[in-house]
Every structure is written in C-alpha cells, then in structure tokens.
Protein backbone atom coordinates (compact mmCIF):
# COMPACT_ATOMS: atom_id res chain seq x y z
CA MET A 1 0.00 0.00 0.00
CA ASP A 2 3.03 2.24 0.11
CA ILE A 3 2.90 2.79 -3.66
CA LEU A 4 -0.65 4.17 -3.49
CA SER A 5 0.41 6.89 -1.10
CA ASN A 6 3.42 7.88 -3.22
CA THR A 7 2.37 10.80 -5.42
CA VAL A 8 5.27 10.43 -7.85
CA ALA A 9 4.53 6.73 -8.41
CA LEU A 10 0.83 7.45 -9.01
CA SER A 11 1.72 10.22 -11.46
CA ARG A 12 4.06 7.89 -13.34
CA MET A 13 1.39 5.18 -13.51
CA GLN A 14 -1.14 7.70 -14.80
CA PHE A 15 1.32 8.91 -17.43
CA ALA A 16 2.11 5.33 -18.46
CA LEU A 17 -1.58 4.49 -18.90
CA THR A 18 -2.18 7.69 -20.84
CA ALA A 19 0.84 7.06 -23.09
CA ILE A 20 -0.22 3.46 -23.76
CA PHE A 21 -3.75 4.61 -24.58
CA HIS A 22 -2.49 7.28 -26.95
CA MET A 23 -0.18 4.79 -28.68
CA LEU A 24 -2.77 2.05 -29.09
CA TRP A 25 -5.90 4.04 -29.96
CA PRO A 26 -4.82 5.31 -33.43
CA VAL A 27 -3.47 1.89 -34.40
CA LEU A 28 -6.65 0.12 -33.33
CA THR A 29 -9.00 2.59 -35.01
CA THR A 30 -7.02 2.62 -38.26
CA GLY A 31 -6.84 -1.16 -38.31
CA MET A 32 -10.55 -1.47 -37.58
CA GLY A 33 -11.36 0.99 -40.35
CA ILE A 34 -9.32 -0.97 -42.89
CA TYR A 35 -10.91 -4.22 -41.71
CA LEU A 36 -14.42 -2.77 -42.06
CA VAL A 37 -13.70 -1.51 -45.59
CA ILE A 38 -12.47 -4.96 -46.64
CA VAL A 39 -15.41 -6.79 -45.05
CA GLU A 40 -17.91 -4.34 -46.57
CA GLY A 41 -16.32 -4.81 -50.00
CA ILE A 42 -16.55 -8.59 -49.70
CA TRP A 43 -20.17 -8.31 -48.56
CA LEU A 44 -21.05 -6.03 -51.49
CA LYS A 45 -19.34 -8.39 -53.94
CA ILE A 46 -21.31 -11.35 -52.58
CA ALA A 47 -24.57 -9.36 -52.52
CA ILE A 48 -24.16 -8.19 -56.13
CA LEU A 49 -23.25 -11.72 -57.23
CA THR A 50 -26.28 -13.13 -55.41
CA ILE A 51 -28.63 -10.57 -56.97
CA THR A 52 -27.17 -11.27 -60.41
CA ILE A 53 -27.66 -15.01 -59.96
CA MET A 54 -31.23 -14.47 -58.76
CA LEU A 55 -32.00 -12.33 -61.82
CA VAL A 56 -30.52 -14.90 -64.21
CA PHE A 57 -32.41 -17.78 -62.62
CA GLY A 58 -35.58 -15.67 -62.56
CA ARG A 59 -35.27 -15.02 -66.29
CA ASN A 60 -34.58 -18.69 -66.94
CA TYR A 61 -37.59 -19.66 -64.82
CA THR A 62 -39.83 -17.23 -66.68
CA PHE A 63 -38.54 -18.44 -70.05
CA SER A 64 -38.90 -22.12 -69.16
CA THR A 65 -42.44 -21.68 -67.85
CA SER A 66 -43.46 -19.78 -70.98
CA VAL A 67 -42.03 -22.55 -73.17
CA LEU A 68 -43.60 -25.37 -71.19
CA VAL A 69 -47.04 -23.79 -70.74
C-alpha cells in the first residue's frame, strides 16, 4: 500500500496508462477501419453476385415456364 500513497509513483502510472492509450488508440481505429472496408467490399461483392444469380435464374424460370405452358 506504500505505492498508493506515493504521489510520484501514481503520477508515473497515470502517465504510463495515458501514453499506452495514446499509442494504441490510433493503431486500433485505423486497423478497424481498414478491416471494415475490406469486409464491406466482400459483402457487397457477394450481394451483387447473389442478386445477379437471382435475376438470371428468374429469367430462366420465366422463359422455361413460358415454353412449357
């Protein structure tokens, strides 16, 4: 409990936590931003591919039902 009553030690711990936070925060936010852009791009690619496939199969379904009926 001696360290909690030492003002210099508490100030150094506060500075260390602040320095660590300021070093990690930009790295984490930049990395998360890049990750989100990549994941969003993959999701859009899959969504566009899925919509395209649905349209093609829909046209084929319409054509095949018009031929068979």
